[in-house]
């Protein structure tokens, strides 16, 4: 079995399995793909790429979710990943 990769998710170090994709990471964090935007190394990804984009050691992932409800604080917010590794 390959050693896990070290990546950054919303500024926090995190291990992920070798060969993992963006979609795998979102599933691990229990996030629905239709409710988030993902930036990988400063590139905003189309949702259709989540299953195809593999993660590499040192990658920087930013995950944002939309907060709505009609108030002045509506908009995209940074998701804080769980600390599960």
PDB file of N, CA and C in Angstrom:
ATOM      1  N   UNK A   1       0.840  -1.181   0.000  1.00  0.00           N
ATOM      2  CA  UNK A   1       0.000   0.000   0.000  1.00  0.00           C
ATOM      3  C   UNK A   1       0.889   1.250   0.000  1.00  0.00           C
ATOM      4  N   UNK A   2       0.551   2.215  -0.819  1.00  0.00           N
ATOM      5  CA  UNK A   2       1.346   3.436  -0.953  1.00  0.00           C
ATOM      6  C   UNK A   2       1.157   4.344   0.254  1.00  0.00           C
ATOM      7  N   UNK A   3       2.199   5.114   0.532  1.00  0.00           N
ATOM      8  CA  UNK A   3       2.111   6.086   1.617  1.00  0.00           C
ATOM      9  C   UNK A   3       1.083   7.152   1.276  1.00  0.00           C
ATOM     10  N   UNK A   4       0.410   7.695   2.295  1.00  0.00           N
ATOM     11  CA  UNK A   4      -0.560   8.761   2.021  1.00  0.00           C
ATOM     12  C   UNK A   4       0.159  10.029   1.541  1.00  0.00           C
ATOM     13  N   UNK A   5      -0.592  10.835   0.806  1.00  0.00           N
ATOM     14  CA  UNK A   5      -0.091  12.120   0.328  1.00  0.00           C
ATOM     15  C   UNK A   5      -0.442  13.199   1.343  1.00  0.00           C
ATOM     16  N   UNK A   6       0.420  14.183   1.459  1.00  0.00           N
ATOM     17  CA  UNK A   6       0.143  15.342   2.325  1.00  0.00           C
ATOM     18  C   UNK A   6      -0.344  16.471   1.412  1.00  0.00           C
ATOM     19  N   UNK A   7      -1.562  16.975   1.687  1.00  0.00           N
ATOM     20  CA  UNK A   7      -2.126  18.097   0.939  1.00  0.00           C
ATOM     21  C   UNK A   7      -2.584  19.157   1.939  1.00  0.00           C
ATOM     22  N   UNK A   8      -2.966  20.311   1.423  1.00  0.00           N
ATOM     23  CA  UNK A   8      -3.542  21.378   2.246  1.00  0.00           C
ATOM     24  C   UNK A   8      -5.006  21.527   1.848  1.00  0.00           C
ATOM     25  N   UNK A   9      -5.902  21.484   2.820  1.00  0.00           N
ATOM     26  CA  UNK A   9      -7.326  21.688   2.569  1.00  0.00           C
ATOM     27  C   UNK A   9      -7.765  22.872   3.419  1.00  0.00           C
ATOM     28  N   UNK A  10      -8.133  23.954   2.753  1.00  0.00           N
ATOM     29  CA  UNK A  10      -8.520  25.197   3.424  1.00  0.00           C
ATOM     30  C   UNK A  10      -7.495  25.597   4.476  1.00  0.00           C
ATOM     31  N   UNK A  11      -6.229  25.471   4.108  1.00  0.00           N
ATOM     32  CA  UNK A  11      -5.144  25.920   4.959  1.00  0.00           C
ATOM     33  C   UNK A  11      -4.687  24.938   6.016  1.00  0.00           C
ATOM     34  N   UNK A  12      -5.320  23.770   6.102  1.00  0.00           N
ATOM     35  CA  UNK A  12      -4.934  22.759   7.094  1.00  0.00           C
ATOM     36  C   UNK A  12      -4.279  21.569   6.403  1.00  0.00           C
ATOM     37  N   UNK A  13      -3.193  21.073   6.978  1.00  0.00           N
ATOM     38  CA  UNK A  13      -2.537  19.875   6.441  1.00  0.00           C
ATOM     39  C   UNK A  13      -3.445  18.675   6.624  1.00  0.00           C
ATOM     40  N   UNK A  14      -3.422  17.807   5.613  1.00  0.00           N
ATOM     41  CA  UNK A  14      -4.298  16.633   5.650  1.00  0.00           C
ATOM     42  C   UNK A  14      -3.642  15.518   4.840  1.00  0.00           C
ATOM     43  N   UNK A  15      -3.772  14.298   5.300  1.00  0.00           N
ATOM     44  CA  UNK A  15      -3.337  13.136   4.538  1.00  0.00           C
ATOM     45  C   UNK A  15      -4.474  12.676   3.643  1.00  0.00           C
ATOM     46  N   UNK A  16      -4.124  12.205   2.461  1.00  0.00           N
ATOM     47  CA  UNK A  16      -5.115  11.558   1.600  1.00  0.00           C
ATOM     48  C   UNK A  16      -4.427  10.385   0.914  1.00  0.00           C
ATOM     49  N   UNK A  17      -5.188   9.377   0.556  1.00  0.00           N
ATOM     50  CA  UNK A  17      -4.585   8.193  -0.054  1.00  0.00           C
ATOM     51  C   UNK A  17      -3.992   8.511  -1.428  1.00  0.00           C
ATOM     52  N   UNK A  18      -2.921   7.843  -1.753  1.00  0.00           N
ATOM     53  CA  UNK A  18      -2.345   7.952  -3.088  1.00  0.00           C
ATOM     54  C   UNK A  18      -3.408   7.535  -4.101  1.00  0.00           C
ATOM     55  N   UNK A  19      -3.544   8.294  -5.180  1.00  0.00           N
ATOM     56  CA  UNK A  19      -4.540   7.980  -6.209  1.00  0.00           C
ATOM     57  C   UNK A  19      -5.898   8.600  -5.967  1.00  0.00           C
ATOM     58  N   UNK A  20      -6.063   9.334  -4.864  1.00  0.00           N
ATOM     59  CA  UNK A  20      -7.360   9.952  -4.552  1.00  0.00           C
ATOM     60  C   UNK A  20      -7.651  11.095  -5.520  1.00  0.00           C
ATOM     61  N   UNK A  21      -8.929  11.297  -5.782  1.00  0.00           N
ATOM     62  CA  UNK A  21      -9.382  12.397  -6.621  1.00  0.00           C
ATOM     63  C   UNK A  21     -10.039  13.460  -5.746  1.00  0.00           C
ATOM     64  N   UNK A  22     -10.358  14.579  -6.359  1.00  0.00           N
ATOM     65  CA  UNK A  22     -11.100  15.633  -5.651  1.00  0.00           C
ATOM     66  C   UNK A  22     -12.431  15.065  -5.157  1.00  0.00           C
ATOM     67  N   UNK A  23     -13.105  14.278  -5.981  1.00  0.00           N
ATOM     68  CA  UNK A  23     -14.379  13.675  -5.572  1.00  0.00           C
ATOM     69  C   UNK A  23     -14.197  12.772  -4.354  1.00  0.00           C
ATOM     70  N   UNK A  24     -13.108  12.008  -4.303  1.00  0.00           N
ATOM     71  CA  UNK A  24     -12.834  11.153  -3.143  1.00  0.00           C
ATOM     72  C   UNK A  24     -12.686  12.001  -1.879  1.00  0.00           C
ATOM     73  N   UNK A  25     -11.965  13.115  -1.996  1.00  0.00           N
ATOM     74  CA  UNK A  25     -11.779  14.000  -0.852  1.00  0.00           C
ATOM     75  C   UNK A  25     -13.116  14.552  -0.371  1.00  0.00           C
ATOM     76  N   UNK A  26     -13.970  14.988  -1.282  1.00  0.00           N
ATOM     77  CA  UNK A  26     -15.279  15.524  -0.897  1.00  0.00           C
ATOM     78  C   UNK A  26     -16.128  14.460  -0.211  1.00  0.00           C
ATOM     79  N   UNK A  27     -16.068  13.220  -0.720  1.00  0.00           N
ATOM     80  CA  UNK A  27     -16.817  12.127  -0.065  1.00  0.00           C
ATOM     81  C   UNK A  27     -16.285  11.888   1.336  1.00  0.00           C
ATOM     82  N   UNK A  28     -14.965  11.900   1.482  1.00  0.00           N
ATOM     83  CA  UNK A  28     -14.358  11.690   2.806  1.00  0.00           C
ATOM     84  C   UNK A  28     -14.804  12.776   3.794  1.00  0.00           C
ATOM     85  N   UNK A  29     -14.973  13.999   3.285  1.00  0.00           N
ATOM     86  CA  UNK A  29     -15.410  15.116   4.131  1.00  0.00           C
ATOM     87  C   UNK A  29     -16.927  15.194   4.246  1.00  0.00           C
ATOM     88  N   UNK A  30     -17.640  14.248   3.605  1.00  0.00           N
ATOM     89  CA  UNK A  30     -19.104  14.189   3.622  1.00  0.00           C
ATOM     90  C   UNK A  30     -19.722  15.471   3.059  1.00  0.00           C
ATOM     91  N   UNK A  31     -19.170  15.937   1.933  1.00  0.00           N
ATOM     92  CA  UNK A  31     -19.674  17.139   1.264  1.00  0.00           C
ATOM     93  C   UNK A  31     -20.298  16.748  -0.067  1.00  0.00           C
ATOM     94  N   UNK A  32     -21.454  17.302  -0.354  1.00  0.00           N
ATOM     95  CA  UNK A  32     -22.143  17.039  -1.612  1.00  0.00           C
ATOM     96  C   UNK A  32     -21.554  17.922  -2.710  1.00  0.00           C
ATOM     97  N   UNK A  33     -21.212  17.311  -3.832  1.00  0.00           N
ATOM     98  CA  UNK A  33     -20.543  18.043  -4.899  1.00  0.00           C
ATOM     99  C   UNK A  33     -21.385  19.183  -5.449  1.00  0.00           C
ATOM    100  N   UNK A  34     -22.698  19.053  -5.425  1.00  0.00           N
ATOM    101  CA  UNK A  34     -23.547  20.113  -5.980  1.00  0.00           C
ATOM    102  C   UNK A  34     -23.646  21.332  -5.063  1.00  0.00           C
ATOM    103  N   UNK A  35     -23.108  21.245  -3.871  1.00  0.00           N
ATOM    104  CA  UNK A  35     -23.204  22.354  -2.916  1.00  0.00           C
ATOM    105  C   UNK A  35     -21.882  23.047  -2.636  1.00  0.00           C
ATOM    106  N   UNK A  36     -20.840  22.693  -3.392  1.00  0.00           N
ATOM    107  CA  UNK A  36     -19.531  23.298  -3.136  1.00  0.00           C
ATOM    108  C   UNK A  36     -18.870  23.760  -4.430  1.00  0.00           C
ATOM    109  N   UNK A  37     -17.951  24.674  -4.276  1.00  0.00           N
ATOM    110  CA  UNK A  37     -17.013  25.056  -5.333  1.00  0.00           C
ATOM    111  C   UNK A  37     -15.629  24.656  -4.835  1.00  0.00           C
ATOM    112  N   UNK A  38     -14.791  24.179  -5.742  1.00  0.00           N
ATOM    113  CA  UNK A  38     -13.464  23.706  -5.350  1.00  0.00           C
ATOM    114  C   UNK A  38     -12.413  24.419  -6.195  1.00  0.00           C
ATOM    115  N   UNK A  39     -11.400  24.906  -5.498  1.00  0.00           N
ATOM    116  CA  UNK A  39     -10.235  25.486  -6.149  1.00  0.00           C
ATOM    117  C   UNK A  39      -9.050  24.572  -5.853  1.00  0.00           C
ATOM    118  N   UNK A  40      -8.360  24.161  -6.891  1.00  0.00           N
ATOM    119  CA  UNK A  40      -7.192  23.288  -6.753  1.00  0.00           C
ATOM    120  C   UNK A  40      -5.983  24.036  -7.295  1.00  0.00           C
ATOM    121  N   UNK A  41      -5.059  24.368  -6.412  1.00  0.00           N
ATOM    122  CA  UNK A  41      -3.849  25.096  -6.809  1.00  0.00           C
ATOM    123  C   UNK A  41      -4.186  26.354  -7.615  1.00  0.00           C
ATOM    124  N   UNK A  42      -5.131  27.128  -7.091  1.00  0.00           N
ATOM    125  CA  UNK A  42      -5.564  28.418  -7.654  1.00  0.00           C
ATOM    126  C   UNK A  42      -6.402  28.291  -8.927  1.00  0.00           C
ATOM    127  N   UNK A  43      -6.814  27.080  -9.289  1.00  0.00           N
ATOM    128  CA  UNK A  43      -7.677  26.857 -10.452  1.00  0.00           C
ATOM    129  C   UNK A  43      -9.052  26.405  -9.976  1.00  0.00           C
ATOM    130  N   UNK A  44     -10.096  27.148 -10.361  1.00  0.00           N
ATOM    131  CA  UNK A  44     -11.459  26.755 -10.005  1.00  0.00           C
ATOM    132  C   UNK A  44     -11.867  25.603 -10.911  1.00  0.00           C
ATOM    133  N   UNK A  45     -12.316  24.522 -10.302  1.00  0.00           N
ATOM    134  CA  UNK A  45     -12.665  23.321 -11.061  1.00  0.00           C
ATOM    135  C   UNK A  45     -14.144  23.285 -11.405  1.00  0.00           C
ATOM    136  N   UNK A  46     -14.440  22.780 -12.577  1.00  0.00           N
ATOM    137  CA  UNK A  46     -15.812  22.465 -12.962  1.00  0.00           C
ATOM    138  C   UNK A  46     -16.192  21.185 -12.215  1.00  0.00           C
ATOM    139  N   UNK A  47     -17.418  21.083 -11.772  1.00  0.00           N
ATOM    140  CA  UNK A  47     -17.851  19.893 -11.021  1.00  0.00           C
ATOM    141  C   UNK A  47     -17.606  18.598 -11.795  1.00  0.00           C
ATOM    142  N   UNK A  48     -17.687  18.665 -13.112  1.00  0.00           N
ATOM    143  CA  UNK A  48     -17.477  17.459 -13.928  1.00  0.00           C
ATOM    144  C   UNK A  48     -16.038  16.961 -13.842  1.00  0.00           C
ATOM    145  N   UNK A  49     -15.125  17.792 -13.361  1.00  0.00           N
ATOM    146  CA  UNK A  49     -13.727  17.387 -13.238  1.00  0.00           C
ATOM    147  C   UNK A  49     -13.415  16.702 -11.909  1.00  0.00           C
ATOM    148  N   UNK A  50     -14.306  16.789 -10.934  1.00  0.00           N
ATOM    149  CA  UNK A  50     -14.012  16.281  -9.593  1.00  0.00           C
ATOM    150  C   UNK A  50     -13.576  14.820  -9.611  1.00  0.00           C
ATOM    151  N   UNK A  51     -14.233  13.981 -10.425  1.00  0.00           N
ATOM    152  CA  UNK A  51     -13.886  12.559 -10.483  1.00  0.00           C
ATOM    153  C   UNK A  51     -12.601  12.297 -11.258  1.00  0.00           C
ATOM    154  N   UNK A  52     -12.201  13.240 -12.096  1.00  0.00           N
ATOM    155  CA  UNK A  52     -11.031  13.039 -12.957  1.00  0.00           C
ATOM    156  C   UNK A  52      -9.755  13.677 -12.432  1.00  0.00           C
ATOM    157  N   UNK A  53      -9.890  14.646 -11.536  1.00  0.00           N
ATOM    158  CA  UNK A  53      -8.705  15.367 -11.065  1.00  0.00           C
ATOM    159  C   UNK A  53      -8.083  14.666  -9.876  1.00  0.00           C
ATOM    160  N   UNK A  54      -6.933  14.063 -10.111  1.00  0.00           N
ATOM    161  CA  UNK A  54      -6.205  13.385  -9.055  1.00  0.00           C
ATOM    162  C   UNK A  54      -5.461  14.379  -8.177  1.00  0.00           C
ATOM    163  N   UNK A  55      -5.296  14.024  -6.924  1.00  0.00           N
ATOM    164  CA  UNK A  55      -4.564  14.868  -5.983  1.00  0.00           C
ATOM    165  C   UNK A  55      -3.118  14.402  -5.908  1.00  0.00           C
ATOM    166  N   UNK A  56      -2.217  15.381  -5.765  1.00  0.00           N
ATOM    167  CA  UNK A  56      -0.789  15.093  -5.672  1.00  0.00           C
ATOM    168  C   UNK A  56      -0.245  15.706  -4.388  1.00  0.00           C
ATOM    169  N   UNK A  57       0.864  15.179  -3.917  1.00  0.00           N
ATOM    170  CA  UNK A  57       1.508  15.716  -2.713  1.00  0.00           C
ATOM    171  C   UNK A  57       1.747  17.208  -2.892  1.00  0.00           C
ATOM    172  N   UNK A  58       1.400  17.975  -1.868  1.00  0.00           N
ATOM    173  CA  UNK A  58       1.605  19.419  -1.890  1.00  0.00           C
ATOM    174  C   UNK A  58       0.468  20.215  -2.487  1.00  0.00           C
ATOM    175  N   UNK A  59      -0.553  19.539  -3.035  1.00  0.00           N
ATOM    176  CA  UNK A  59      -1.690  20.273  -3.606  1.00  0.00           C
ATOM    177  C   UNK A  59      -2.360  21.134  -2.541  1.00  0.00           C
ATOM    178  N   UNK A  60      -2.888  22.258  -2.985  1.00  0.00           N
ATOM    179  CA  UNK A  60      -3.648  23.157  -2.122  1.00  0.00           C
ATOM    180  C   UNK A  60      -5.086  23.195  -2.622  1.00  0.00           C
ATOM    181  N   UNK A  61      -5.993  22.759  -1.759  1.00  0.00           N
ATOM    182  CA  UNK A  61      -7.406  22.674  -2.102  1.00  0.00           C
ATOM    183  C   UNK A  61      -8.173  23.659  -1.229  1.00  0.00           C
ATOM    184  N   UNK A  62      -9.006  24.469  -1.857  1.00  0.00           N
ATOM    185  CA  UNK A  62      -9.921  25.356  -1.131  1.00  0.00           C
ATOM    186  C   UNK A  62     -11.325  24.897  -1.469  1.00  0.00           C
ATOM    187  N   UNK A  63     -12.146  24.692  -0.443  1.00  0.00           N
ATOM    188  CA  UNK A  63     -13.522  24.243  -0.627  1.00  0.00           C
ATOM    189  C   UNK A  63     -14.439  25.333  -0.089  1.00  0.00           C
ATOM    190  N   UNK A  64     -15.362  25.782  -0.950  1.00  0.00           N
ATOM    191  CA  UNK A  64     -16.311  26.825  -0.584  1.00  0.00           C
ATOM    192  C   UNK A  64     -17.720  26.284  -0.716  1.00  0.00           C
ATOM    193  N   UNK A  65     -18.620  26.733   0.163  1.00  0.00           N
ATOM    194  CA  UNK A  65     -20.024  26.358   0.036  1.00  0.00           C
ATOM    195  C   UNK A  65     -20.863  27.619   0.049  1.00  0.00           C
ATOM    196  N   UNK A  66     -22.007  27.570  -0.622  1.00  0.00           N
ATOM    197  CA  UNK A  66     -22.887  28.726  -0.682  1.00  0.00           C
ATOM    198  C   UNK A  66     -23.834  28.704   0.507  1.00  0.00           C
ATOM    199  N   UNK A  67     -23.915  29.839   1.185  1.00  0.00           N
ATOM    200  CA  UNK A  67     -24.840  30.006   2.306  1.00  0.00           C
ATOM    201  C   UNK A  67     -25.950  30.933   1.825  1.00  0.00           C
ATOM    202  N   UNK A  68     -27.172  30.461   1.838  1.00  0.00           N
ATOM    203  CA  UNK A  68     -28.294  31.261   1.356  1.00  0.00           C
ATOM    204  C   UNK A  68     -29.411  31.339   2.379  1.00  0.00           C
ATOM    205  N   UNK A  69     -30.345  32.199   2.107  1.00  0.00           N
ATOM    206  CA  UNK A  69     -31.490  32.327   3.000  1.00  0.00           C
ATOM    207  C   UNK A  69     -32.131  33.698   2.932  1.00  0.00           C
ATOM    208  N   UNK A  70     -31.600  34.566   2.083  1.00  0.00           N
ATOM    209  CA  UNK A  70     -32.229  35.863   1.904  1.00  0.00           C
ATOM    210  C   UNK A  70     -31.677  36.967   2.779  1.00  0.00           C
ATOM    211  N   UNK A  71     -30.637  36.697   3.558  1.00  0.00           N
ATOM    212  CA  UNK A  71     -30.088  37.704   4.456  1.00  0.00           C
ATOM    213  C   UNK A  71     -28.850  38.373   3.883  1.00  0.00           C
ATOM    214  N   UNK A  72     -28.359  39.381   4.567  1.00  0.00           N
ATOM    215  CA  UNK A  72     -27.192  40.113   4.081  1.00  0.00           C
ATOM    216  C   UNK A  72     -25.894  39.300   4.126  1.00  0.00           C
ATOM    217  N   UNK A  73     -25.907  38.198   4.851  1.00  0.00           N
ATOM    218  CA  UNK A  73     -24.698  37.376   4.956  1.00  0.00           C
ATOM    219  C   UNK A  73     -24.662  36.232   3.950  1.00  0.00           C
ATOM    220  N   UNK A  74     -25.602  36.227   2.984  1.00  0.00           N
ATOM    221  CA  UNK A  74     -25.613  35.181   1.961  1.00  0.00           C
ATOM    222  C   UNK A  74     -24.352  35.266   1.108  1.00  0.00           C
ATOM    223  N   UNK A  75     -23.907  34.151   0.615  1.00  0.00           N
ATOM    224  CA  UNK A  75     -22.757  34.128  -0.285  1.00  0.00           C
ATOM    225  C   UNK A  75     -21.900  32.907  -0.054  1.00  0.00           C
ATOM    226  N   UNK A  76     -20.780  32.845  -0.751  1.00  0.00           N
ATOM    227  CA  UNK A  76     -19.858  31.721  -0.640  1.00  0.00           C
ATOM    228  C   UNK A  76     -19.050  31.831   0.633  1.00  0.00           C
ATOM    229  N   UNK A  77     -18.890  30.718   1.335  1.00  0.00           N
ATOM    230  CA  UNK A  77     -18.116  30.650   2.568  1.00  0.00           C
ATOM    231  C   UNK A  77     -17.132  29.505   2.477  1.00  0.00           C
ATOM    232  N   UNK A  78     -15.983  29.705   3.050  1.00  0.00           N
ATOM    233  CA  UNK A  78     -14.950  28.680   3.095  1.00  0.00           C
ATOM    234  C   UNK A  78     -15.404  27.557   4.013  1.00  0.00           C
ATOM    235  N   UNK A  79     -15.288  26.322   3.532  1.00  0.00           N
ATOM    236  CA  UNK A  79     -15.627  25.156   4.345  1.00  0.00           C
ATOM    237  C   UNK A  79     -14.410  24.793   5.177  1.00  0.00           C
ATOM    238  N   UNK A  80     -14.616  24.536   6.428  1.00  0.00           N
ATOM    239  CA  UNK A  80     -13.520  24.085   7.290  1.00  0.00           C
ATOM    240  C   UNK A  80     -13.597  22.571   7.340  1.00  0.00           C
ATOM    241  N   UNK A  81     -12.523  21.888   6.907  1.00  0.00           N
ATOM    242  CA  UNK A  81     -12.570  20.430   6.872  1.00  0.00           C
ATOM    243  C   UNK A  81     -12.596  19.849   8.281  1.00  0.00           C
ATOM    244  N   UNK A  82     -13.181  18.663   8.350  1.00  0.00           N
ATOM    245  CA  UNK A  82     -13.129  17.945   9.617  1.00  0.00           C
ATOM    246  C   UNK A  82     -11.688  17.483   9.836  1.00  0.00           C
ATOM    247  N   UNK A  83     -11.343  17.152  11.027  1.00  0.00           N
ATOM    248  CA  UNK A  83      -9.970  16.767  11.338  1.00  0.00           C
ATOM    249  C   UNK A  83      -9.707  15.291  11.173  1.00  0.00           C
ATOM    250  N   UNK A  84     -10.668  14.554  10.630  1.00  0.00           N
ATOM    251  CA  UNK A  84     -10.464  13.114  10.399  1.00  0.00           C
ATOM    252  C   UNK A  84      -9.370  12.936   9.364  1.00  0.00           C
ATOM    253  N   UNK A  85      -8.480  12.000   9.599  1.00  0.00           N
ATOM    254  CA  UNK A  85      -7.405  11.754   8.632  1.00  0.00           C
ATOM    255  C   UNK A  85      -7.383  10.331   8.269  1.00  0.00           C
TER     256      UNK A  85
END
